[in-house]
């Protein structure tokens, strides 16, 4: 085989290997990706029960309740237009409180309650997760219009 043909074969094999690696990477990311929803998004395009998502917004004032087992917390996440009931079993971050930004990860059950597997709270007075800030800004624009 001529050197020119050898280079073409090697180039073809390298391109095929890169395409295979890219396909594997995309498929791995696609199965582990969780999508962000604000409460208004949940009502507009309800995710399937059991589908892993992230739900973000503000912890609704007056909604936080500790259930009798002592470890489960029930609260509502709002974007000032809609709100969603959330249940979380575990220890919440120290900065978790009513009226503050929060992102929860988990899934919806068949009754429409979000079952959180983790709760993330903002880390200082001025910070709000970009997804939450964007969804609140989008909803406030619709409410005032």
Protein backbone atom coordinates (compact mmCIF):
# COMPACT_ATOMS: atom_id res chain seq x y z
CA UNK A 1 0.00 0.00 0.00
CA UNK A 2 1.28 3.45 -0.86
CA UNK A 3 2.04 5.92 1.95
CA UNK A 4 -0.72 8.22 0.70
CA UNK A 5 -3.30 5.45 1.08
CA UNK A 6 -1.97 4.54 4.53
CA UNK A 7 -2.44 8.13 5.71
CA UNK A 8 -6.02 8.17 4.35
CA UNK A 9 -6.85 4.91 6.15
CA UNK A 10 -5.35 6.21 9.43
CA UNK A 11 -7.25 9.48 9.07
CA UNK A 12 -10.50 7.57 8.47
CA UNK A 13 -9.90 5.38 11.52
CA UNK A 14 -9.11 8.43 13.68
CA UNK A 15 -12.31 10.18 12.54
CA UNK A 16 -14.37 7.05 13.21
CA UNK A 17 -12.85 6.74 16.72
CA UNK A 18 -13.58 10.41 17.49
CA UNK A 19 -17.18 10.06 16.26
CA UNK A 20 -17.64 6.96 18.44
CA UNK A 21 -16.25 8.75 21.50
CA UNK A 22 -18.52 11.74 20.86
CA UNK A 23 -21.57 9.49 20.51
CA UNK A 24 -20.74 7.71 23.79
CA UNK A 25 -20.25 11.03 25.58
CA UNK A 26 -23.55 12.44 24.35
CA UNK A 27 -25.47 9.30 25.31
CA UNK A 28 -23.93 9.31 28.80
CA UNK A 29 -24.81 12.98 29.35
CA UNK A 30 -28.33 12.51 28.02
CA UNK A 31 -29.21 9.80 30.52
CA UNK A 32 -27.84 11.68 33.54
CA UNK A 33 -29.04 15.20 32.72
CA UNK A 34 -31.68 16.72 34.97
CA UNK A 35 -33.76 19.57 33.64
CA UNK A 36 -34.55 22.74 35.60
CA UNK A 37 -38.19 23.70 36.15
CA UNK A 38 -39.80 26.67 37.87
CA UNK A 39 -43.27 26.07 39.36
CA UNK A 40 -44.95 27.79 36.38
CA UNK A 41 -43.02 25.48 34.02
CA UNK A 42 -44.33 22.45 35.94
CA UNK A 43 -47.92 23.53 35.30
CA UNK A 44 -47.22 24.39 31.65
CA UNK A 45 -45.27 21.21 30.80
CA UNK A 46 -45.67 18.66 33.59
CA UNK A 47 -42.77 16.19 33.79
CA UNK A 48 -43.67 12.52 34.03
CA UNK A 49 -43.90 11.06 37.56
CA UNK A 50 -40.51 9.61 38.46
CA UNK A 51 -38.57 11.74 35.94
CA UNK A 52 -35.50 13.29 37.59
CA UNK A 53 -35.65 17.10 37.49
CA UNK A 54 -34.50 20.17 39.39
CA UNK A 55 -37.21 22.44 40.79
CA UNK A 56 -36.26 25.97 41.79
CA UNK A 57 -37.84 29.08 43.15
CA UNK A 58 -38.47 30.69 46.51
CA UNK A 59 -39.53 28.87 49.66
CA UNK A 60 -43.09 30.16 50.15
CA UNK A 61 -43.56 32.09 53.38
CA UNK A 62 -45.64 30.22 55.96
CA UNK A 63 -45.35 26.88 54.16
CA UNK A 64 -42.50 25.12 56.00
CA UNK A 65 -43.68 22.28 58.27
CA UNK A 66 -41.68 19.62 60.06
CA UNK A 67 -43.61 16.33 59.93
CA UNK A 68 -44.04 14.09 63.01
CA UNK A 69 -41.15 11.77 62.12
CA UNK A 70 -38.77 14.68 62.80
CA UNK A 71 -36.73 14.20 59.62
CA UNK A 72 -39.27 15.00 56.90
CA UNK A 73 -39.88 18.57 55.89
CA UNK A 74 -42.88 19.73 53.84
CA UNK A 75 -42.82 23.13 52.15
CA UNK A 76 -43.89 24.88 48.96
CA UNK A 77 -41.65 26.31 46.23
CA UNK A 78 -43.05 29.34 44.42
CA UNK A 79 -42.13 31.64 41.57
CA UNK A 80 -44.71 34.20 42.74
CA UNK A 81 -47.19 32.96 40.13
CA UNK A 82 -47.55 29.25 40.98
CA UNK A 83 -46.38 27.02 43.80
CA UNK A 84 -45.52 23.34 44.13
CA UNK A 85 -45.64 21.14 47.28
CA UNK A 86 -42.29 19.58 48.19
CA UNK A 87 -41.32 16.85 50.67
CA UNK A 88 -37.75 16.28 51.73
CA UNK A 89 -36.38 13.77 54.21
CA UNK A 90 -33.00 14.71 55.58
CA UNK A 91 -31.06 17.65 56.91
CA UNK A 92 -31.55 20.93 55.08
CA UNK A 93 -28.73 23.47 54.67
CA UNK A 94 -28.32 26.06 57.44
CA UNK A 95 -29.33 28.82 55.01
CA UNK A 96 -32.67 27.18 54.16
CA UNK A 97 -35.57 29.42 55.26
CA UNK A 98 -38.83 30.91 54.08
CA UNK A 99 -38.62 33.58 51.39
CA UNK A 100 -35.15 32.49 50.20
CA UNK A 101 -34.06 30.97 46.90
CA UNK A 102 -33.80 27.20 46.71
CA UNK A 103 -33.11 24.48 44.16
CA UNK A 104 -34.34 20.98 44.88
CA UNK A 105 -33.47 17.82 42.98
CA UNK A 106 -35.84 14.87 42.79
CA UNK A 107 -39.05 13.75 41.07
CA UNK A 108 -42.82 14.10 41.23
CA UNK A 109 -44.97 11.35 42.70
CA UNK A 110 -48.35 10.35 41.27
CA UNK A 111 -50.18 12.85 43.53
CA UNK A 112 -48.20 15.83 42.20
CA UNK A 113 -45.92 16.31 45.22
CA UNK A 114 -42.26 16.86 44.46
CA UNK A 115 -40.14 14.32 46.36
CA UNK A 116 -36.76 15.98 46.83
CA UNK A 117 -33.56 13.98 47.17
CA UNK A 118 -31.44 17.08 47.80
CA UNK A 119 -32.03 20.71 48.74
CA UNK A 120 -29.60 23.47 47.79
CA UNK A 121 -29.93 26.92 49.39
CA UNK A 122 -28.31 30.21 48.43
CA UNK A 123 -24.98 30.97 50.05
CA UNK A 124 -25.19 34.69 50.90
CA UNK A 125 -27.57 37.63 51.05
CA UNK A 126 -27.12 38.77 47.43
CA UNK A 127 -26.78 35.47 45.58
CA UNK A 128 -29.61 33.66 43.84
CA UNK A 129 -29.03 30.65 41.56
CA UNK A 130 -29.10 31.86 37.92
CA UNK A 131 -31.92 29.47 36.99
CA UNK A 132 -34.12 30.73 39.84
CA UNK A 133 -33.39 34.39 39.09
CA UNK A 134 -34.17 33.85 35.40
CA UNK A 135 -37.45 32.05 36.06
CA UNK A 136 -38.58 34.63 38.61
CA UNK A 137 -37.74 37.46 36.21
CA UNK A 138 -39.63 35.71 33.40
CA UNK A 139 -42.72 35.15 35.58
CA UNK A 140 -42.71 38.68 37.01
CA UNK A 141 -42.64 40.03 33.46
CA UNK A 142 -45.77 38.01 32.63
CA UNK A 143 -47.57 39.01 35.84
CA UNK A 144 -46.99 42.76 35.35
CA UNK A 145 -47.83 42.68 31.63
